[in-house]
Amino acid sequence: MTVTAAVLPEPAAPPDAPGRWSMRGRFQQWLAARTPATDVWVLTQRNVYILPTKGGVAFALTLLLMLVASINYQLNLGYVLTFLLAGSGLVSMHMTHGTLRGLTLRLRQAPPVFAGEPALLEVVFTSPGDARHGVALRFADRRKHGSHAFLDVPALGQESARVSVVPPRRGWHALPPLVAETGFPFGLFRAWTVWRPSLQVLAWPRPEQPPAPLPPSSPAPGESATARHAQGGEQDGVRAWRRGDGMRQVVWKKVAKSGEMVSRETASAITRELWLDWQASGVGGVGGGMDTEQRLSRMAAWVLQAEHAGLVWGLRLPGRELAPGQGDAHKRAALEMLALWG
């Protein structure tokens, strides 16, 4: 079963606090330097760690008291019970470590999201042998990300766990370290591994709310201001299909007859084009102007409006330009340009 765990936005890293937080920070820095960044993490004896839990320590102290009492009162059945429980604890340690050992963790590429929205990360667990139970996935820093995703991995199969991060601003964002851990079967021991993914998440600028009106379109260079009229009864404004044409423009009757993609072209589509220009995005801001992030936010909202309206549009930024077009690929290219500009 696939499980989802939501996490909070990643704040700026605070300076090391005195006391135990300072030691913890040094340990995490040492661990990060020892752990390579990768999107495929194979668990072996070298990167799976194990320690007794609080319940395990209490269990060991109980066994010690039982052993002392058996020696003191010469209880043969006490010896049997003590060593039987001690053997069970050793088997538990072996099973806990073996639950993680041999697993392969693979992180799939996360789709881009708008800044402030959760980006869903899917981690695929693969077992080369027996089934693995009670595996948990979380982010390493519990103070910032406290949620867990739990799963069971079938024998010779795969299972996915999903966690999410919320990028606070546009651009590429590195992922925080992940921890896979388990206490199966009795919770006496905790086995874990620390994984540093190399994959990054792209955040588009957050669209302005409410969106500003679109800038006016302008005549396209080299085009006539009137619609074309077909000869011999042919349909007015029909042309060969071009990349970027919307599904509404396709003349499906002609496609069904000839098998070739053709599009309907109106006068407005022929003679006018919409440019989302950086210079126009700063009009109407506080004090007569807008800062860079506000402009990018407005232009992201314009991209969504123009695409939703089915317009043919282009994007202009200082030093960069995206030719007019339409479609999902065109929209994603424009949003990526806005996300990485500057």
C-alpha atoms as a PDB file:
ATOM      1  CA  MET A   1       0.000   0.000   0.000  1.00  0.00           C
ATOM      2  CA  THR A   2       1.243   3.475  -0.898  1.00  0.00           C
ATOM      3  CA  VAL A   3       1.303   5.932   1.991  1.00  0.00           C
ATOM      4  CA  THR A   4       1.558   9.724   1.862  1.00  0.00           C
ATOM      5  CA  ALA A   5       3.211  11.882   4.503  1.00  0.00           C
ATOM      6  CA  ALA A   6       2.980  15.677   4.340  1.00  0.00           C
ATOM      7  CA  VAL A   7       5.833  17.847   5.567  1.00  0.00           C
ATOM      8  CA  LEU A   8       6.172  21.554   6.224  1.00  0.00           C
ATOM      9  CA  PRO A   9       8.084  24.063   4.095  1.00  0.00           C
ATOM     10  CA  GLU A  10      11.812  24.037   4.633  1.00  0.00           C
ATOM     11  CA  PRO A  11      12.868  27.155   6.546  1.00  0.00           C
ATOM     12  CA  ALA A  12      16.307  28.681   6.455  1.00  0.00           C
ATOM     13  CA  ALA A  13      18.854  26.621   8.364  1.00  0.00           C
ATOM     14  CA  PRO A  14      19.357  28.107  11.853  1.00  0.00           C
ATOM     15  CA  PRO A  15      22.802  28.406  13.403  1.00  0.00           C
ATOM     16  CA  ASP A  16      23.915  25.617  15.679  1.00  0.00           C
ATOM     17  CA  ALA A  17      22.436  26.033  19.146  1.00  0.00           C
ATOM     18  CA  PRO A  18      24.579  25.406  22.223  1.00  0.00           C
ATOM     19  CA  GLY A  19      24.681  22.055  23.969  1.00  0.00           C
ATOM     20  CA  ARG A  20      23.345  18.932  22.355  1.00  0.00           C
ATOM     21  CA  TRP A  21      22.206  20.692  19.141  1.00  0.00           C
ATOM     22  CA  SER A  22      25.783  21.707  18.403  1.00  0.00           C
ATOM     23  CA  MET A  23      26.984  18.109  18.761  1.00  0.00           C
ATOM     24  CA  ARG A  24      24.066  16.915  16.677  1.00  0.00           C
ATOM     25  CA  GLY A  25      24.958  19.403  13.944  1.00  0.00           C
ATOM     26  CA  ARG A  26      28.572  18.213  13.872  1.00  0.00           C
ATOM     27  CA  PHE A  27      27.429  14.600  13.672  1.00  0.00           C
ATOM     28  CA  GLN A  28      25.057  15.379  10.776  1.00  0.00           C
ATOM     29  CA  GLN A  29      27.844  17.195   8.930  1.00  0.00           C
ATOM     30  CA  TRP A  30      30.133  14.187   9.403  1.00  0.00           C
ATOM     31  CA  LEU A  31      27.402  11.817   8.245  1.00  0.00           C
ATOM     32  CA  ALA A  32      26.641  13.974   5.184  1.00  0.00           C
ATOM     33  CA  ALA A  33      30.319  13.996   4.201  1.00  0.00           C
ATOM     34  CA  ARG A  34      30.425  10.198   4.560  1.00  0.00           C
ATOM     35  CA  THR A  35      27.206   9.575   2.580  1.00  0.00           C
ATOM     36  CA  PRO A  36      27.340  10.191  -1.195  1.00  0.00           C
ATOM     37  CA  ALA A  37      24.415  11.911  -2.920  1.00  0.00           C
ATOM     38  CA  THR A  38      22.563   9.453  -5.171  1.00  0.00           C
ATOM     39  CA  ASP A  39      19.043   8.684  -6.369  1.00  0.00           C
ATOM     40  CA  VAL A  40      19.494   4.894  -6.016  1.00  0.00           C
ATOM     41  CA  TRP A  41      20.436   3.665  -2.517  1.00  0.00           C
ATOM     42  CA  VAL A  42      21.307  -0.013  -1.981  1.00  0.00           C
ATOM     43  CA  LEU A  43      21.240  -1.058   1.692  1.00  0.00           C
ATOM     44  CA  THR A  44      24.158  -3.204   2.833  1.00  0.00           C
ATOM     45  CA  GLN A  45      25.891  -3.944   6.120  1.00  0.00           C
ATOM     46  CA  ARG A  46      28.013  -0.833   5.624  1.00  0.00           C
ATOM     47  CA  ASN A  47      25.154   1.686   5.538  1.00  0.00           C
ATOM     48  CA  VAL A  48      22.551   0.074   7.837  1.00  0.00           C
ATOM     49  CA  TYR A  49      22.994   0.955  11.521  1.00  0.00           C
ATOM     50  CA  ILE A  50      21.315  -0.637  14.539  1.00  0.00           C
ATOM     51  CA  LEU A  51      20.973   0.253  18.229  1.00  0.00           C
ATOM     52  CA  PRO A  52      18.669  -0.891  21.049  1.00  0.00           C
ATOM     53  CA  THR A  53      15.576   1.177  21.693  1.00  0.00           C
ATOM     54  CA  LYS A  54      14.409   2.317  25.142  1.00  0.00           C
ATOM     55  CA  GLY A  55      12.279  -0.814  25.245  1.00  0.00           C
ATOM     56  CA  GLY A  56      15.328  -2.886  24.319  1.00  0.00           C
ATOM     57  CA  VAL A  57      17.388  -1.371  27.137  1.00  0.00           C
ATOM     58  CA  ALA A  58      14.567  -2.072  29.607  1.00  0.00           C
ATOM     59  CA  PHE A  59      14.370  -5.639  28.274  1.00  0.00           C
ATOM     60  CA  ALA A  60      18.122  -6.130  28.817  1.00  0.00           C
ATOM     61  CA  LEU A  61      17.908  -4.781  32.403  1.00  0.00           C
ATOM     62  CA  THR A  62      15.014  -7.147  33.094  1.00  0.00           C
ATOM     63  CA  LEU A  63      17.061 -10.083  31.839  1.00  0.00           C
ATOM     64  CA  LEU A  64      19.931  -9.031  34.092  1.00  0.00           C
ATOM     65  CA  LEU A  65      17.641  -8.916  37.126  1.00  0.00           C
ATOM     66  CA  MET A  66      16.214 -12.330  36.218  1.00  0.00           C
ATOM     67  CA  LEU A  67      19.729 -13.756  35.928  1.00  0.00           C
ATOM     68  CA  VAL A  68      20.773 -12.314  39.318  1.00  0.00           C
ATOM     69  CA  ALA A  69      17.621 -13.680  40.954  1.00  0.00           C
ATOM     70  CA  SER A  70      18.163 -17.115  39.390  1.00  0.00           C
ATOM     71  CA  ILE A  71      21.758 -17.204  40.655  1.00  0.00           C
ATOM     72  CA  ASN A  72      20.776 -15.968  44.101  1.00  0.00           C
ATOM     73  CA  TYR A  73      17.935 -18.449  44.615  1.00  0.00           C
ATOM     74  CA  GLN A  74      19.366 -21.288  42.479  1.00  0.00           C
ATOM     75  CA  LEU A  75      16.297 -21.378  40.195  1.00  0.00           C
ATOM     76  CA  ASN A  76      16.925 -23.753  37.306  1.00  0.00           C
ATOM     77  CA  LEU A  77      13.698 -22.722  35.550  1.00  0.00           C
ATOM     78  CA  GLY A  78      14.774 -19.129  36.025  1.00  0.00           C
ATOM     79  CA  TYR A  79      17.980 -19.878  34.085  1.00  0.00           C
ATOM     80  CA  VAL A  80      15.958 -21.505  31.305  1.00  0.00           C
ATOM     81  CA  LEU A  81      13.567 -18.566  31.002  1.00  0.00           C
ATOM     82  CA  THR A  82      16.368 -15.978  31.162  1.00  0.00           C
ATOM     83  CA  PHE A  83      18.462 -17.559  28.423  1.00  0.00           C
ATOM     84  CA  LEU A  84      15.385 -18.310  26.330  1.00  0.00           C
ATOM     85  CA  LEU A  85      14.405 -14.642  26.381  1.00  0.00           C
ATOM     86  CA  ALA A  86      18.010 -13.579  25.743  1.00  0.00           C
ATOM     87  CA  GLY A  87      18.104 -15.822  22.663  1.00  0.00           C
ATOM     88  CA  SER A  88      14.841 -14.321  21.476  1.00  0.00           C
ATOM     89  CA  GLY A  89      16.355 -10.860  21.821  1.00  0.00           C
ATOM     90  CA  LEU A  90      19.391 -11.850  19.724  1.00  0.00           C
ATOM     91  CA  VAL A  91      17.123 -13.287  17.029  1.00  0.00           C
ATOM     92  CA  SER A  92      15.116 -10.071  17.130  1.00  0.00           C
ATOM     93  CA  MET A  93      18.292  -8.043  16.548  1.00  0.00           C
ATOM     94  CA  HIS A  94      19.171 -10.184  13.527  1.00  0.00           C
ATOM     95  CA  MET A  95      15.658  -9.857  12.067  1.00  0.00           C
ATOM     96  CA  THR A  96      15.544  -6.093  12.603  1.00  0.00           C
ATOM     97  CA  HIS A  97      18.819  -5.572  10.756  1.00  0.00           C
ATOM     98  CA  GLY A  98      17.805  -8.037   8.038  1.00  0.00           C
ATOM     99  CA  THR A  99      14.558  -6.158   7.387  1.00  0.00           C
ATOM    100  CA  LEU A 100      16.508  -3.297   5.798  1.00  0.00           C
ATOM    101  CA  ARG A 101      19.597  -5.130   4.570  1.00  0.00           C
ATOM    102  CA  GLY A 102      19.363  -5.860   0.851  1.00  0.00           C
ATOM    103  CA  LEU A 103      16.618  -3.366   0.027  1.00  0.00           C
ATOM    104  CA  THR A 104      17.067  -0.979  -2.913  1.00  0.00           C
ATOM    105  CA  LEU A 105      15.600   2.526  -2.656  1.00  0.00           C
ATOM    106  CA  ARG A 106      14.977   4.483  -5.857  1.00  0.00           C
ATOM    107  CA  LEU A 107      13.690   8.059  -6.030  1.00  0.00           C
ATOM    108  CA  ARG A 108      11.544   9.021  -9.013  1.00  0.00           C
ATOM    109  CA  GLN A 109      11.673  12.464 -10.598  1.00  0.00           C
ATOM    110  CA  ALA A 110       9.168  14.827  -9.015  1.00  0.00           C
ATOM    111  CA  PRO A 111       7.138  17.023 -11.404  1.00  0.00           C
ATOM    112  CA  PRO A 112       7.582  20.804 -11.082  1.00  0.00           C
ATOM    113  CA  VAL A 113       5.179  22.665  -8.803  1.00  0.00           C
ATOM    114  CA  PHE A 114       4.418  26.278  -8.014  1.00  0.00           C
ATOM    115  CA  ALA A 115       6.271  27.787  -5.055  1.00  0.00           C
ATOM    116  CA  GLY A 116       4.361  27.170  -1.842  1.00  0.00           C
ATOM    117  CA  GLU A 117       2.660  23.995  -3.134  1.00  0.00           C
ATOM    118  CA  PRO A 118       3.682  20.471  -2.016  1.00  0.00           C
ATOM    119  CA  ALA A 119       5.949  18.533  -4.356  1.00  0.00           C
ATOM    120  CA  LEU A 120       5.224  14.813  -4.127  1.00  0.00           C
ATOM    121  CA  LEU A 121       8.283  12.541  -3.935  1.00  0.00           C
ATOM    122  CA  GLU A 122       7.855   8.853  -4.697  1.00  0.00           C
ATOM    123  CA  VAL A 123      10.418   6.396  -3.301  1.00  0.00           C
ATOM    124  CA  VAL A 124      10.271   2.825  -4.645  1.00  0.00           C
ATOM    125  CA  PHE A 125      11.444   0.044  -2.285  1.00  0.00           C
ATOM    126  CA  THR A 126      12.555  -3.186  -3.984  1.00  0.00           C
ATOM    127  CA  SER A 127      13.118  -6.454  -2.093  1.00  0.00           C
ATOM    128  CA  PRO A 128      15.421  -9.037  -3.703  1.00  0.00           C
ATOM    129  CA  GLY A 129      14.218 -11.789  -1.363  1.00  0.00           C
ATOM    130  CA  ASP A 130      11.759 -12.197   1.499  1.00  0.00           C
ATOM    131  CA  ALA A 131       8.977  -9.782   2.388  1.00  0.00           C
ATOM    132  CA  ARG A 132       9.936  -6.832   4.592  1.00  0.00           C
ATOM    133  CA  HIS A 133       7.484  -5.511   7.180  1.00  0.00           C
ATOM    134  CA  GLY A 134       7.177  -2.349   9.214  1.00  0.00           C
ATOM    135  CA  VAL A 135       9.506  -0.106   7.174  1.00  0.00           C
ATOM    136  CA  ALA A 136       9.174   3.640   7.759  1.00  0.00           C
ATOM    137  CA  LEU A 137      10.395   6.538   5.623  1.00  0.00           C
ATOM    138  CA  ARG A 138      10.889  10.063   6.942  1.00  0.00           C
ATOM    139  CA  PHE A 139      13.121  13.107   6.630  1.00  0.00           C
ATOM    140  CA  ALA A 140      16.238  13.129   8.787  1.00  0.00           C
ATOM    141  CA  ASP A 141      15.465  16.368  10.651  1.00  0.00           C
ATOM    142  CA  ARG A 142      12.483  15.553  12.873  1.00  0.00           C
ATOM    143  CA  ARG A 143      12.259  19.133  14.150  1.00  0.00           C
ATOM    144  CA  LYS A 144      11.337  20.381  10.657  1.00  0.00           C
ATOM    145  CA  HIS A 145       9.734  17.256   9.169  1.00  0.00           C
ATOM    146  CA  GLY A 146       8.034  15.026  11.712  1.00  0.00           C
ATOM    147  CA  SER A 147       5.816  12.814   9.530  1.00  0.00           C
ATOM    148  CA  HIS A 148       6.420   9.168   8.616  1.00  0.00           C
ATOM    149  CA  ALA A 149       5.315   7.013   5.694  1.00  0.00           C
ATOM    150  CA  PHE A 150       4.931   3.317   6.592  1.00  0.00           C
ATOM    151  CA  LEU A 151       4.918   0.384   4.167  1.00  0.00           C
ATOM    152  CA  ASP A 152       5.436  -3.363   3.755  1.00  0.00           C
ATOM    153  CA  VAL A 153       7.546  -4.582   0.834  1.00  0.00           C
ATOM    154  CA  PRO A 154       6.372  -7.885  -0.741  1.00  0.00           C
ATOM    155  CA  ALA A 155       8.793 -10.729  -1.437  1.00  0.00           C
ATOM    156  CA  LEU A 156      10.613 -10.269  -4.755  1.00  0.00           C
ATOM    157  CA  GLY A 157       8.470  -7.178  -5.344  1.00  0.00           C
ATOM    158  CA  GLN A 158       8.208  -3.429  -5.012  1.00  0.00           C
ATOM    159  CA  GLU A 159       6.243  -0.942  -2.946  1.00  0.00           C
ATOM    160  CA  SER A 160       6.156   2.848  -3.004  1.00  0.00           C
ATOM    161  CA  ALA A 161       6.173   5.411  -0.232  1.00  0.00           C
ATOM    162  CA  ARG A 162       5.376   9.051  -0.856  1.00  0.00           C
ATOM    163  CA  VAL A 163       6.551  12.056   1.069  1.00  0.00           C
ATOM    164  CA  SER A 164       6.258  15.712   0.142  1.00  0.00           C
ATOM    165  CA  VAL A 165       8.231  18.918   0.466  1.00  0.00           C
ATOM    166  CA  VAL A 166       6.996  22.469  -0.026  1.00  0.00           C
ATOM    167  CA  PRO A 167       9.534  24.679  -1.852  1.00  0.00           C
ATOM    168  CA  PRO A 168       9.175  28.200  -0.417  1.00  0.00           C
ATOM    169  CA  ARG A 169      10.451  30.049  -3.503  1.00  0.00           C
ATOM    170  CA  ARG A 170      11.048  29.583  -7.231  1.00  0.00           C
ATOM    171  CA  GLY A 171      14.046  27.739  -8.669  1.00  0.00           C
ATOM    172  CA  TRP A 172      15.781  24.438  -8.034  1.00  0.00           C
ATOM    173  CA  HIS A 173      15.652  23.010  -4.495  1.00  0.00           C
ATOM    174  CA  ALA A 174      17.863  20.260  -3.083  1.00  0.00           C
ATOM    175  CA  LEU A 175      16.069  17.600  -1.066  1.00  0.00           C
ATOM    176  CA  PRO A 176      16.838  17.116   2.642  1.00  0.00           C
ATOM    177  CA  PRO A 177      18.296  13.739   3.719  1.00  0.00           C
ATOM    178  CA  LEU A 178      15.865  10.839   4.081  1.00  0.00           C
ATOM    179  CA  VAL A 179      15.874   8.085   6.713  1.00  0.00           C
ATOM    180  CA  ALA A 180      14.501   4.564   6.228  1.00  0.00           C
ATOM    181  CA  GLU A 181      14.079   2.728   9.531  1.00  0.00           C
ATOM    182  CA  THR A 182      12.359  -0.207  11.184  1.00  0.00           C
ATOM    183  CA  GLY A 183      11.797  -1.751  14.616  1.00  0.00           C
ATOM    184  CA  PHE A 184      10.329  -5.012  13.335  1.00  0.00           C
ATOM    185  CA  PRO A 185       9.538  -7.492  14.870  1.00  0.00           C
ATOM    186  CA  PHE A 186       9.463  -6.588  18.595  1.00  0.00           C
ATOM    187  CA  GLY A 187      10.719  -3.008  18.744  1.00  0.00           C
ATOM    188  CA  LEU A 188      13.699  -3.966  20.898  1.00  0.00           C
ATOM    189  CA  PHE A 189      16.143  -2.617  18.302  1.00  0.00           C
ATOM    190  CA  ARG A 190      16.002   0.186  15.744  1.00  0.00           C
ATOM    191  CA  ALA A 191      17.761  -0.236  12.403  1.00  0.00           C
ATOM    192  CA  TRP A 192      18.089   2.759  10.070  1.00  0.00           C
ATOM    193  CA  THR A 193      19.942   4.186   7.108  1.00  0.00           C
ATOM    194  CA  VAL A 194      20.527   7.804   6.051  1.00  0.00           C
ATOM    195  CA  TRP A 195      20.083   8.633   2.357  1.00  0.00           C
ATOM    196  CA  ARG A 196      21.075  11.869   0.603  1.00  0.00           C
ATOM    197  CA  PRO A 197      19.158  12.159  -2.699  1.00  0.00           C
ATOM    198  CA  SER A 198      20.880  14.013  -5.529  1.00  0.00           C
ATOM    199  CA  LEU A 199      17.572  14.810  -7.252  1.00  0.00           C
ATOM    200  CA  GLN A 200      16.280  18.383  -7.087  1.00  0.00           C
ATOM    201  CA  VAL A 201      12.756  19.799  -7.272  1.00  0.00           C
ATOM    202  CA  LEU A 202      11.892  22.687  -9.593  1.00  0.00           C
ATOM    203  CA  ALA A 203       9.483  25.336  -8.274  1.00  0.00           C
ATOM    204  CA  TRP A 204       7.734  27.723 -10.666  1.00  0.00           C
ATOM    205  CA  PRO A 205       6.903  31.279  -9.536  1.00  0.00           C
ATOM    206  CA  ARG A 206       3.685  31.447  -7.544  1.00  0.00           C
ATOM    207  CA  PRO A 207       0.968  32.997  -9.795  1.00  0.00           C
ATOM    208  CA  GLU A 208      -0.359  36.394  -8.778  1.00  0.00           C
ATOM    209  CA  GLN A 209      -3.762  36.311  -7.058  1.00  0.00           C
ATOM    210  CA  PRO A 210      -5.997  37.788  -8.292  1.00  0.00           C
ATOM    211  CA  PRO A 211      -4.370  37.782 -11.746  1.00  0.00           C
ATOM    212  CA  ALA A 212      -3.947  41.043 -13.632  1.00  0.00           C
ATOM    213  CA  PRO A 213      -5.624  41.443 -17.057  1.00  0.00           C
ATOM    214  CA  LEU A 214      -3.659  40.152 -20.022  1.00  0.00           C
ATOM    215  CA  PRO A 215      -1.723  42.746 -22.055  1.00  0.00           C
ATOM    216  CA  PRO A 216      -3.224  43.654 -25.468  1.00  0.00           C
ATOM    217  CA  SER A 217      -2.276  41.579 -28.487  1.00  0.00           C
ATOM    218  CA  SER A 218      -0.566  43.118 -31.519  1.00  0.00           C
ATOM    219  CA  PRO A 219      -0.634  42.437 -35.262  1.00  0.00           C
ATOM    220  CA  ALA A 220       1.692  39.658 -36.316  1.00  0.00           C
ATOM    221  CA  PRO A 221       4.404  40.780 -38.748  1.00  0.00           C
ATOM    222  CA  GLY A 222       3.845  39.795 -42.367  1.00  0.00           C
ATOM    223  CA  GLU A 223       0.179  38.798 -41.922  1.00  0.00           C
ATOM    224  CA  SER A 224      -2.878  40.272 -43.621  1.00  0.00           C
ATOM    225  CA  ALA A 225      -5.490  42.013 -41.501  1.00  0.00           C
ATOM    226  CA  THR A 226      -8.306  40.131 -43.213  1.00  0.00           C
ATOM    227  CA  ALA A 227      -9.246  36.493 -43.246  1.00  0.00           C
ATOM    228  CA  ARG A 228      -8.383  34.288 -46.163  1.00  0.00           C
ATOM    229  CA  HIS A 229     -11.231  33.127 -48.386  1.00  0.00           C
ATOM    230  CA  ALA A 230     -10.976  29.706 -49.927  1.00  0.00           C
ATOM    231  CA  GLN A 231     -11.617  29.042 -53.637  1.00  0.00           C
ATOM    232  CA  GLY A 232     -13.988  26.477 -55.155  1.00  0.00           C
ATOM    233  CA  GLY A 233     -16.171  25.975 -52.089  1.00  0.00           C
ATOM    234  CA  GLU A 234     -13.313  24.982 -49.754  1.00  0.00           C
ATOM    235  CA  GLN A 235     -13.720  25.869 -46.094  1.00  0.00           C
ATOM    236  CA  ASP A 236     -12.488  29.372 -45.174  1.00  0.00           C
ATOM    237  CA  GLY A 237      -9.209  29.519 -43.194  1.00  0.00           C
ATOM    238  CA  VAL A 238      -8.168  25.836 -43.361  1.00  0.00           C
ATOM    239  CA  ARG A 239      -4.475  25.064 -43.280  1.00  0.00           C
ATOM    240  CA  ALA A 240      -2.113  22.222 -42.419  1.00  0.00           C
ATOM    241  CA  TRP A 241      -1.824  21.440 -38.721  1.00  0.00           C
ATOM    242  CA  ARG A 242       1.125  23.075 -36.967  1.00  0.00           C
ATOM    243  CA  ARG A 243       2.733  22.224 -33.672  1.00  0.00           C
ATOM    244  CA  GLY A 244       1.070  24.260 -30.938  1.00  0.00           C
ATOM    245  CA  ASP A 245      -2.422  24.184 -32.461  1.00  0.00           C
ATOM    246  CA  GLY A 246      -5.140  23.447 -29.939  1.00  0.00           C
ATOM    247  CA  MET A 247      -7.581  20.570 -30.272  1.00  0.00           C
ATOM    248  CA  ARG A 248     -10.416  23.044 -30.855  1.00  0.00           C
ATOM    249  CA  GLN A 249      -8.736  24.262 -34.054  1.00  0.00           C
ATOM    250  CA  VAL A 250      -8.546  20.802 -35.636  1.00  0.00           C
ATOM    251  CA  VAL A 251     -11.113  20.178 -38.436  1.00  0.00           C
ATOM    252  CA  TRP A 252     -11.997  16.621 -37.461  1.00  0.00           C
ATOM    253  CA  LYS A 253     -14.306  15.997 -40.460  1.00  0.00           C
ATOM    254  CA  LYS A 254     -11.451  16.560 -42.877  1.00  0.00           C
ATOM    255  CA  VAL A 255      -9.128  14.507 -40.674  1.00  0.00           C
ATOM    256  CA  ALA A 256     -11.588  11.603 -40.845  1.00  0.00           C
ATOM    257  CA  LYS A 257     -11.822  11.820 -44.656  1.00  0.00           C
ATOM    258  CA  SER A 258      -8.201  12.432 -45.614  1.00  0.00           C
ATOM    259  CA  GLY A 259      -6.307  11.120 -42.599  1.00  0.00           C
ATOM    260  CA  GLU A 260      -4.210  14.324 -42.519  1.00  0.00           C
ATOM    261  CA  MET A 261      -4.283  16.799 -39.638  1.00  0.00           C
ATOM    262  CA  VAL A 262      -5.663  20.202 -40.674  1.00  0.00           C
ATOM    263  CA  SER A 263      -6.565  23.204 -38.525  1.00  0.00           C
ATOM    264  CA  ARG A 264      -9.126  25.980 -38.775  1.00  0.00           C
ATOM    265  CA  GLU A 265      -7.518  29.420 -38.843  1.00  0.00           C
ATOM    266  CA  THR A 266      -9.577  32.487 -38.041  1.00  0.00           C
ATOM    267  CA  ALA A 267      -8.723  36.047 -38.945  1.00  0.00           C
ATOM    268  CA  SER A 268      -7.706  36.862 -35.394  1.00  0.00           C
ATOM    269  CA  ALA A 269      -5.403  33.840 -35.277  1.00  0.00           C
ATOM    270  CA  ILE A 270      -3.785  34.907 -38.531  1.00  0.00           C
ATOM    271  CA  THR A 271      -3.327  38.580 -37.863  1.00  0.00           C
ATOM    272  CA  ARG A 272      -2.692  38.935 -34.123  1.00  0.00           C
ATOM    273  CA  GLU A 273      -0.338  37.497 -31.531  1.00  0.00           C
ATOM    274  CA  LEU A 274       0.005  37.985 -27.767  1.00  0.00           C
ATOM    275  CA  TRP A 275       3.350  38.766 -26.172  1.00  0.00           C
ATOM    276  CA  LEU A 276       3.781  38.479 -22.416  1.00  0.00           C
ATOM    277  CA  ASP A 277       6.461  41.110 -22.025  1.00  0.00           C
ATOM    278  CA  TRP A 278       8.620  41.870 -19.001  1.00  0.00           C
ATOM    279  CA  GLN A 279       8.224  45.618 -19.588  1.00  0.00           C
ATOM    280  CA  ALA A 280       4.421  45.378 -19.409  1.00  0.00           C
ATOM    281  CA  SER A 281       4.460  43.292 -16.218  1.00  0.00           C
ATOM    282  CA  GLY A 282       5.625  46.176 -13.986  1.00  0.00           C
ATOM    283  CA  VAL A 283       2.672  48.441 -14.691  1.00  0.00           C
ATOM    284  CA  GLY A 284       0.186  48.859 -11.856  1.00  0.00           C
ATOM    285  CA  GLY A 285       2.460  47.940  -8.954  1.00  0.00           C
ATOM    286  CA  VAL A 286       2.717  49.749  -5.627  1.00  0.00           C
ATOM    287  CA  GLY A 287       4.365  53.114  -6.175  1.00  0.00           C
ATOM    288  CA  GLY A 288       4.208  52.696  -9.944  1.00  0.00           C
ATOM    289  CA  GLY A 289       6.479  49.657 -10.127  1.00  0.00           C
ATOM    290  CA  MET A 290       7.004  46.071  -8.964  1.00  0.00           C
ATOM    291  CA  ASP A 291      10.018  44.117  -7.784  1.00  0.00           C
ATOM    292  CA  THR A 292      11.424  41.136  -9.673  1.00  0.00           C
ATOM    293  CA  GLU A 293       9.519  38.416  -7.846  1.00  0.00           C
ATOM    294  CA  GLN A 294       6.212  40.269  -8.188  1.00  0.00           C
ATOM    295  CA  ARG A 295       6.771  40.667 -11.919  1.00  0.00           C
ATOM    296  CA  LEU A 296       7.585  36.984 -12.332  1.00  0.00           C
ATOM    297  CA  SER A 297       4.504  36.097 -10.300  1.00  0.00           C
ATOM    298  CA  ARG A 298       2.347  38.256 -12.566  1.00  0.00           C
ATOM    299  CA  MET A 299       3.844  36.752 -15.719  1.00  0.00           C
ATOM    300  CA  ALA A 300       3.239  33.233 -14.393  1.00  0.00           C
ATOM    301  CA  ALA A 301      -0.430  34.145 -13.926  1.00  0.00           C
ATOM    302  CA  TRP A 302      -0.494  35.529 -17.473  1.00  0.00           C
ATOM    303  CA  VAL A 303       0.918  32.266 -18.822  1.00  0.00           C
ATOM    304  CA  LEU A 304      -1.895  30.308 -17.174  1.00  0.00           C
ATOM    305  CA  GLN A 305      -4.548  32.759 -18.404  1.00  0.00           C
ATOM    306  CA  ALA A 306      -3.299  32.765 -21.997  1.00  0.00           C
ATOM    307  CA  GLU A 307      -3.085  28.986 -22.130  1.00  0.00           C
ATOM    308  CA  HIS A 308      -6.513  28.534 -20.570  1.00  0.00           C
ATOM    309  CA  ALA A 309      -7.999  30.929 -23.167  1.00  0.00           C
ATOM    310  CA  GLY A 310      -6.443  28.936 -26.040  1.00  0.00           C
ATOM    311  CA  LEU A 311      -4.400  31.895 -27.301  1.00  0.00           C
ATOM    312  CA  VAL A 312      -1.161  31.791 -29.261  1.00  0.00           C
ATOM    313  CA  TRP A 313       1.339  33.653 -27.105  1.00  0.00           C
ATOM    314  CA  GLY A 314       5.022  34.287 -26.620  1.00  0.00           C
ATOM    315  CA  LEU A 315       7.179  35.297 -23.646  1.00  0.00           C
ATOM    316  CA  ARG A 316       9.815  38.033 -23.443  1.00  0.00           C
ATOM    317  CA  LEU A 317      12.287  38.429 -20.591  1.00  0.00           C
ATOM    318  CA  PRO A 318      15.411  40.611 -20.528  1.00  0.00           C
ATOM    319  CA  GLY A 319      17.916  38.680 -22.634  1.00  0.00           C
ATOM    320  CA  ARG A 320      15.554  35.749 -23.314  1.00  0.00           C
ATOM    321  CA  GLU A 321      12.572  35.100 -25.555  1.00  0.00           C
ATOM    322  CA  LEU A 322      10.156  32.226 -26.149  1.00  0.00           C
ATOM    323  CA  ALA A 323       8.554  32.202 -29.603  1.00  0.00           C
ATOM    324  CA  PRO A 324       4.738  32.277 -29.835  1.00  0.00           C
ATOM    325  CA  GLY A 325       2.962  28.944 -29.482  1.00  0.00           C
ATOM    326  CA  GLN A 326       0.498  27.092 -27.305  1.00  0.00           C
ATOM    327  CA  GLY A 327       0.015  23.745 -25.624  1.00  0.00           C
ATOM    328  CA  ASP A 328       1.155  22.107 -22.402  1.00  0.00           C
ATOM    329  CA  ALA A 329       4.806  21.806 -23.500  1.00  0.00           C
ATOM    330  CA  HIS A 330       4.863  25.501 -24.412  1.00  0.00           C
ATOM    331  CA  LYS A 331       3.355  26.433 -21.037  1.00  0.00           C
ATOM    332  CA  ARG A 332       5.886  24.318 -19.114  1.00  0.00           C
ATOM    333  CA  ALA A 333       8.780  25.817 -21.090  1.00  0.00           C
ATOM    334  CA  ALA A 334       7.585  29.321 -20.233  1.00  0.00           C
ATOM    335  CA  LEU A 335       7.134  28.558 -16.534  1.00  0.00           C
ATOM    336  CA  GLU A 336      10.591  26.972 -16.397  1.00  0.00           C
ATOM    337  CA  MET A 337      12.062  30.078 -18.025  1.00  0.00           C
ATOM    338  CA  LEU A 338      10.394  32.214 -15.369  1.00  0.00           C
ATOM    339  CA  ALA A 339      11.561  29.904 -12.568  1.00  0.00           C
ATOM    340  CA  LEU A 340      15.217  29.969 -13.609  1.00  0.00           C
ATOM    341  CA  TRP A 341      15.483  33.570 -14.773  1.00  0.00           C
ATOM    342  CA  GLY A 342      17.902  35.883 -13.008  1.00  0.00           C
END
